[in-house]
Amino acid sequence: MPGRILIVDDDDDFRGLLKDVFTQAGHTVTAVNSAHNALAELTQQEFDAVVTDHNMPEMSGEELIKRIRSSEPNIPIILVSGYLNQDLIQNLKNVNTEIFHKPLNVISLLRKTDEKLNMSGK
């Protein structure tokens, strides 16, 4: 089921790849390069899911997720990163976040996002 996806990643190439994959799958995609820009977008429009990187300048993906959860407790969030430790993984699972490790199988990410959208009724 197509949805409105917010992609957050400071890596231009990876952000572009994810945008292309989700767009080709029929989703409407907004892609931003920072957590601050993501928070701004979330105040301007409604999204059905968020896909975010963890290691970003100024604000980590974990902090972004906590801020999103304070106002959007039920939105599906998927964190993608190559730099995760067990404490962080546990913290993110406690705030209902899916985790994907880089290098990434984008088809698996797309399937998981679609599954989350279907579960949330979007």
N, C-alpha and C. Protein backbone atom coordinates (compact mmCIF):
# COMPACT_ATOMS: atom_id res chain seq x y z
N MET A 1 0.84 -1.17 0.00
CA MET A 1 0.00 0.00 0.00
C MET A 1 0.89 1.24 0.00
N PRO A 2 0.80 2.09 -1.01
CA PRO A 2 1.64 3.29 -1.08
C PRO A 2 1.37 4.23 0.09
N GLY A 3 2.43 4.88 0.54
CA GLY A 3 2.31 5.82 1.64
C GLY A 3 3.19 7.02 1.43
N ARG A 4 3.12 7.94 2.37
CA ARG A 4 3.96 9.13 2.37
C ARG A 4 5.14 8.86 3.30
N ILE A 5 6.32 8.79 2.72
CA ILE A 5 7.53 8.39 3.44
C ILE A 5 8.46 9.58 3.58
N LEU A 6 8.98 9.78 4.80
CA LEU A 6 10.02 10.78 5.05
C LEU A 6 11.34 10.04 5.21
N ILE A 7 12.31 10.37 4.37
CA ILE A 7 13.64 9.77 4.43
C ILE A 7 14.61 10.82 4.95
N VAL A 8 15.41 10.43 5.96
CA VAL A 8 16.35 11.34 6.60
C VAL A 8 17.74 10.71 6.56
N ASP A 9 18.65 11.32 5.80
CA ASP A 9 20.02 10.80 5.72
C ASP A 9 20.92 11.92 5.21
N ASP A 10 22.06 12.11 5.87
CA ASP A 10 22.98 13.17 5.47
C ASP A 10 23.85 12.77 4.28
N ASP A 11 23.85 11.50 3.90
CA ASP A 11 24.61 11.02 2.75
C ASP A 11 23.75 11.20 1.49
N ASP A 12 24.17 12.12 0.63
CA ASP A 12 23.38 12.45 -0.56
C ASP A 12 23.11 11.24 -1.44
N ASP A 13 24.12 10.42 -1.67
CA ASP A 13 23.95 9.26 -2.56
C ASP A 13 22.98 8.24 -1.97
N PHE A 14 23.14 7.94 -0.69
CA PHE A 14 22.27 6.94 -0.07
C PHE A 14 20.85 7.46 0.03
N ARG A 15 20.69 8.73 0.39
CA ARG A 15 19.36 9.34 0.45
C ARG A 15 18.69 9.29 -0.92
N GLY A 16 19.45 9.59 -1.97
CA GLY A 16 18.92 9.53 -3.32
C GLY A 16 18.51 8.12 -3.72
N LEU A 17 19.33 7.14 -3.35
CA LEU A 17 19.01 5.74 -3.63
C LEU A 17 17.70 5.35 -2.96
N LEU A 18 17.57 5.66 -1.67
CA LEU A 18 16.33 5.30 -0.96
C LEU A 18 15.13 6.02 -1.56
N LYS A 19 15.30 7.28 -1.90
CA LYS A 19 14.19 8.02 -2.52
C LYS A 19 13.75 7.35 -3.82
N ASP A 20 14.71 6.98 -4.65
CA ASP A 20 14.39 6.31 -5.91
C ASP A 20 13.67 4.98 -5.69
N VAL A 21 14.15 4.18 -4.74
CA VAL A 21 13.56 2.87 -4.48
C VAL A 21 12.11 3.02 -4.01
N PHE A 22 11.88 3.91 -3.05
CA PHE A 22 10.53 4.09 -2.53
C PHE A 22 9.60 4.74 -3.56
N THR A 23 10.12 5.67 -4.34
CA THR A 23 9.31 6.31 -5.38
C THR A 23 8.90 5.29 -6.45
N GLN A 24 9.84 4.46 -6.89
CA GLN A 24 9.54 3.44 -7.89
C GLN A 24 8.52 2.42 -7.38
N ALA A 25 8.45 2.26 -6.06
CA ALA A 25 7.48 1.33 -5.47
C ALA A 25 6.11 2.00 -5.28
N GLY A 26 5.98 3.26 -5.69
CA GLY A 26 4.69 3.92 -5.65
C GLY A 26 4.45 4.84 -4.46
N HIS A 27 5.46 4.98 -3.61
CA HIS A 27 5.31 5.85 -2.44
C HIS A 27 5.57 7.31 -2.82
N THR A 28 4.98 8.21 -2.05
CA THR A 28 5.29 9.63 -2.16
C THR A 28 6.41 9.89 -1.15
N VAL A 29 7.53 10.44 -1.62
CA VAL A 29 8.73 10.53 -0.79
C VAL A 29 9.18 11.97 -0.63
N THR A 30 9.48 12.33 0.60
CA THR A 30 10.19 13.56 0.91
C THR A 30 11.51 13.13 1.52
N ALA A 31 12.62 13.62 0.98
CA ALA A 31 13.94 13.22 1.46
C ALA A 31 14.69 14.47 1.93
N VAL A 32 15.19 14.41 3.17
CA VAL A 32 15.91 15.54 3.75
C VAL A 32 17.27 15.10 4.26
N ASN A 33 18.18 16.08 4.42
CA ASN A 33 19.56 15.75 4.76
C ASN A 33 19.92 15.92 6.23
N SER A 34 18.93 16.24 7.08
CA SER A 34 19.24 16.40 8.51
C SER A 34 18.02 16.14 9.37
N ALA A 35 18.28 15.84 10.62
CA ALA A 35 17.20 15.62 11.58
C ALA A 35 16.40 16.91 11.78
N HIS A 36 17.07 18.05 11.80
CA HIS A 36 16.36 19.33 11.96
C HIS A 36 15.39 19.57 10.81
N ASN A 37 15.84 19.27 9.59
CA ASN A 37 14.94 19.42 8.44
C ASN A 37 13.78 18.43 8.52
N ALA A 38 14.05 17.24 9.04
CA ALA A 38 12.98 16.25 9.20
C ALA A 38 11.92 16.76 10.16
N LEU A 39 12.35 17.31 11.29
CA LEU A 39 11.39 17.84 12.26
C LEU A 39 10.56 18.97 11.66
N ALA A 40 11.21 19.80 10.84
CA ALA A 40 10.48 20.88 10.17
C ALA A 40 9.43 20.30 9.21
N GLU A 41 9.81 19.29 8.44
CA GLU A 41 8.86 18.66 7.51
C GLU A 41 7.68 18.04 8.25
N LEU A 42 7.95 17.44 9.40
CA LEU A 42 6.89 16.80 10.18
C LEU A 42 5.88 17.80 10.72
N THR A 43 6.29 19.07 10.87
CA THR A 43 5.32 20.08 11.29
C THR A 43 4.53 20.63 10.10
N GLN A 44 5.05 20.44 8.90
CA GLN A 44 4.42 20.98 7.70
C GLN A 44 3.46 20.01 7.01
N GLN A 45 3.74 18.71 7.15
CA GLN A 45 2.90 17.73 6.46
C GLN A 45 2.86 16.42 7.24
N GLU A 46 1.90 15.59 6.88
CA GLU A 46 1.73 14.31 7.55
C GLU A 46 2.43 13.22 6.77
N PHE A 47 3.10 12.32 7.49
CA PHE A 47 3.78 11.19 6.88
C PHE A 47 3.23 9.90 7.47
N ASP A 48 3.35 8.84 6.68
CA ASP A 48 2.90 7.52 7.13
C ASP A 48 4.03 6.70 7.73
N ALA A 49 5.28 7.07 7.42
CA ALA A 49 6.45 6.35 7.96
C ALA A 49 7.68 7.23 7.80
N VAL A 50 8.67 6.95 8.66
CA VAL A 50 9.96 7.66 8.61
C VAL A 50 11.07 6.61 8.51
N VAL A 51 12.01 6.85 7.59
CA VAL A 51 13.21 6.03 7.47
C VAL A 51 14.38 6.98 7.73
N THR A 52 15.17 6.69 8.76
CA THR A 52 16.24 7.61 9.13
C THR A 52 17.57 6.89 9.35
N ASP A 53 18.62 7.63 9.07
CA ASP A 53 19.98 7.21 9.41
C ASP A 53 20.20 7.49 10.90
N HIS A 54 21.24 6.90 11.46
CA HIS A 54 21.55 7.18 12.87
C HIS A 54 22.64 8.23 13.01
N ASN A 55 23.78 8.01 12.37
CA ASN A 55 24.93 8.92 12.51
C ASN A 55 24.78 10.11 11.57
N MET A 56 24.32 11.23 12.15
CA MET A 56 24.16 12.46 11.38
C MET A 56 24.71 13.61 12.23
N PRO A 57 25.22 14.64 11.57
CA PRO A 57 25.71 15.80 12.33
C PRO A 57 24.55 16.48 13.07
N GLU A 58 24.85 17.12 14.15
CA GLU A 58 23.93 17.94 14.94
C GLU A 58 22.93 17.16 15.77
N MET A 59 22.31 16.11 15.21
CA MET A 59 21.34 15.32 15.96
C MET A 59 21.34 13.89 15.43
N SER A 60 21.46 12.94 16.34
CA SER A 60 21.49 11.53 15.93
C SER A 60 20.09 11.04 15.55
N GLY A 61 20.06 9.93 14.88
CA GLY A 61 18.78 9.29 14.57
C GLY A 61 18.03 8.92 15.84
N GLU A 62 18.75 8.50 16.87
CA GLU A 62 18.10 8.14 18.14
C GLU A 62 17.38 9.35 18.73
N GLU A 63 18.03 10.50 18.75
CA GLU A 63 17.41 11.71 19.28
C GLU A 63 16.22 12.13 18.41
N LEU A 64 16.38 12.03 17.10
CA LEU A 64 15.27 12.34 16.19
C LEU A 64 14.07 11.45 16.50
N ILE A 65 14.31 10.17 16.67
CA ILE A 65 13.21 9.24 16.96
C ILE A 65 12.51 9.61 18.26
N LYS A 66 13.27 9.96 19.28
CA LYS A 66 12.66 10.36 20.56
C LYS A 66 11.79 11.59 20.38
N ARG A 67 12.25 12.54 19.59
CA ARG A 67 11.46 13.77 19.36
C ARG A 67 10.20 13.46 18.55
N ILE A 68 10.34 12.60 17.56
CA ILE A 68 9.16 12.23 16.77
C ILE A 68 8.15 11.51 17.66
N ARG A 69 8.62 10.58 18.47
CA ARG A 69 7.74 9.79 19.34
C ARG A 69 6.97 10.67 20.33
N SER A 70 7.53 11.82 20.72
CA SER A 70 6.84 12.68 21.67
C SER A 70 5.58 13.29 21.07
N SER A 71 5.54 13.44 19.75
CA SER A 71 4.35 14.02 19.12
C SER A 71 3.62 13.03 18.20
N GLU A 72 4.31 12.01 17.73
CA GLU A 72 3.75 11.01 16.82
C GLU A 72 4.05 9.61 17.34
N PRO A 73 3.39 9.18 18.42
CA PRO A 73 3.78 7.93 19.06
C PRO A 73 3.57 6.67 18.22
N ASN A 74 2.72 6.74 17.20
CA ASN A 74 2.39 5.53 16.46
C ASN A 74 2.94 5.46 15.04
N ILE A 75 3.64 6.48 14.61
CA ILE A 75 4.16 6.46 13.24
C ILE A 75 5.26 5.39 13.13
N PRO A 76 5.21 4.57 12.09
CA PRO A 76 6.29 3.59 11.90
C PRO A 76 7.61 4.30 11.60
N ILE A 77 8.66 3.88 12.32
CA ILE A 77 9.99 4.44 12.13
C ILE A 77 10.97 3.30 11.92
N ILE A 78 11.81 3.45 10.91
CA ILE A 78 12.86 2.47 10.63
C ILE A 78 14.19 3.21 10.65
N LEU A 79 15.12 2.71 11.44
CA LEU A 79 16.46 3.29 11.52
C LEU A 79 17.42 2.41 10.73
N VAL A 80 18.23 3.06 9.89
CA VAL A 80 19.21 2.36 9.07
C VAL A 80 20.59 2.90 9.44
N SER A 81 21.50 2.00 9.83
CA SER A 81 22.83 2.46 10.20
C SER A 81 23.84 1.33 10.14
N GLY A 82 25.07 1.69 9.96
CA GLY A 82 26.16 0.72 10.03
C GLY A 82 26.88 0.78 11.36
N TYR A 83 26.44 1.68 12.25
CA TYR A 83 27.14 1.93 13.51
C TYR A 83 26.18 1.80 14.69
N LEU A 84 25.86 0.59 15.07
CA LEU A 84 24.93 0.37 16.18
C LEU A 84 25.55 -0.54 17.22
N ASN A 85 25.36 -0.21 18.48
CA ASN A 85 25.80 -1.09 19.55
C ASN A 85 24.57 -1.68 20.25
N GLN A 86 24.78 -2.64 21.11
CA GLN A 86 23.66 -3.35 21.74
C GLN A 86 22.78 -2.44 22.59
N ASP A 87 23.39 -1.48 23.31
CA ASP A 87 22.59 -0.56 24.12
C ASP A 87 21.67 0.28 23.25
N LEU A 88 22.20 0.78 22.17
CA LEU A 88 21.39 1.59 21.26
C LEU A 88 20.27 0.75 20.65
N ILE A 89 20.59 -0.45 20.23
CA ILE A 89 19.56 -1.34 19.65
C ILE A 89 18.44 -1.58 20.66
N GLN A 90 18.78 -1.83 21.91
CA GLN A 90 17.76 -2.05 22.94
C GLN A 90 16.93 -0.78 23.16
N ASN A 91 17.59 0.37 23.23
CA ASN A 91 16.87 1.63 23.41
C ASN A 91 15.87 1.87 22.28
N LEU A 92 16.28 1.56 21.07
CA LEU A 92 15.41 1.80 19.92
C LEU A 92 14.25 0.81 19.89
N LYS A 93 14.49 -0.42 20.28
CA LYS A 93 13.39 -1.38 20.35
C LYS A 93 12.38 -0.97 21.40
N ASN A 94 12.85 -0.31 22.47
CA ASN A 94 11.94 0.16 23.51
C ASN A 94 11.04 1.29 23.04
N VAL A 95 11.42 1.96 21.96
CA VAL A 95 10.56 3.01 21.40
C VAL A 95 9.96 2.57 20.07
N ASN A 96 9.78 1.27 19.93
CA ASN A 96 9.07 0.69 18.78
C ASN A 96 9.67 1.14 17.44
N THR A 97 10.94 0.85 17.26
CA THR A 97 11.64 1.21 16.04
C THR A 97 12.25 -0.04 15.41
N GLU A 98 12.05 -0.19 14.11
CA GLU A 98 12.70 -1.26 13.37
C GLU A 98 14.14 -0.83 13.06
N ILE A 99 15.03 -1.79 12.98
CA ILE A 99 16.44 -1.49 12.76
C ILE A 99 16.96 -2.29 11.57
N PHE A 100 17.64 -1.60 10.66
CA PHE A 100 18.32 -2.24 9.54
C PHE A 100 19.78 -1.82 9.57
N HIS A 101 20.67 -2.78 9.38
CA HIS A 101 22.11 -2.52 9.38
C HIS A 101 22.60 -2.31 7.95
N LYS A 102 23.53 -1.38 7.80
CA LYS A 102 24.23 -1.20 6.52
C LYS A 102 25.41 -2.15 6.51
N PRO A 103 25.80 -2.73 5.39
CA PRO A 103 25.17 -2.54 4.08
C PRO A 103 23.76 -3.11 4.08
N LEU A 104 22.94 -2.52 3.26
CA LEU A 104 21.51 -2.70 3.33
C LEU A 104 20.96 -3.42 2.11
N ASN A 105 20.03 -4.31 2.34
CA ASN A 105 19.24 -4.90 1.27
C ASN A 105 18.00 -4.01 1.13
N VAL A 106 17.98 -3.15 0.10
CA VAL A 106 16.90 -2.18 -0.03
C VAL A 106 15.54 -2.84 -0.26
N ILE A 107 15.52 -4.01 -0.86
CA ILE A 107 14.25 -4.71 -1.07
C ILE A 107 13.66 -5.15 0.28
N SER A 108 14.51 -5.63 1.18
CA SER A 108 14.05 -5.99 2.53
C SER A 108 13.52 -4.75 3.27
N LEU A 109 14.22 -3.63 3.12
CA LEU A 109 13.77 -2.39 3.75
C LEU A 109 12.41 -1.97 3.20
N LEU A 110 12.25 -2.04 1.91
CA LEU A 110 10.98 -1.69 1.28
C LEU A 110 9.86 -2.61 1.77
N ARG A 111 10.13 -3.91 1.82
CA ARG A 111 9.12 -4.86 2.30
C ARG A 111 8.72 -4.58 3.75
N LYS A 112 9.71 -4.31 4.62
CA LYS A 112 9.42 -4.02 6.02
C LYS A 112 8.61 -2.74 6.16
N THR A 113 8.93 -1.73 5.37
CA THR A 113 8.18 -0.49 5.40
C THR A 113 6.74 -0.73 4.97
N ASP A 114 6.55 -1.47 3.89
CA ASP A 114 5.20 -1.79 3.43
C ASP A 114 4.43 -2.58 4.50
N GLU A 115 5.11 -3.49 5.15
CA GLU A 115 4.47 -4.28 6.22
C GLU A 115 4.02 -3.35 7.34
N LYS A 116 4.87 -2.42 7.74
CA LYS A 116 4.53 -1.46 8.80
C LYS A 116 3.37 -0.56 8.38
N LEU A 117 3.35 -0.15 7.13
CA LEU A 117 2.25 0.68 6.65
C LEU A 117 0.94 -0.09 6.68
N ASN A 118 0.98 -1.35 6.25
CA ASN A 118 -0.22 -2.17 6.27
C ASN A 118 -0.72 -2.41 7.69
N MET A 119 0.22 -2.61 8.63
CA MET A 119 -0.16 -2.84 10.03
C MET A 119 -0.78 -1.59 10.64
N SER A 120 -0.34 -0.41 10.20
CA SER A 120 -0.87 0.83 10.77
C SER A 120 -2.12 1.30 10.04
N GLY A 121 -2.51 0.56 8.99
CA GLY A 121 -3.73 0.89 8.26
C GLY A 121 -3.57 2.02 7.27
N LYS A 122 -2.35 2.36 6.90
CA LYS A 122 -2.11 3.46 5.95
C LYS A 122 -2.16 2.96 4.53
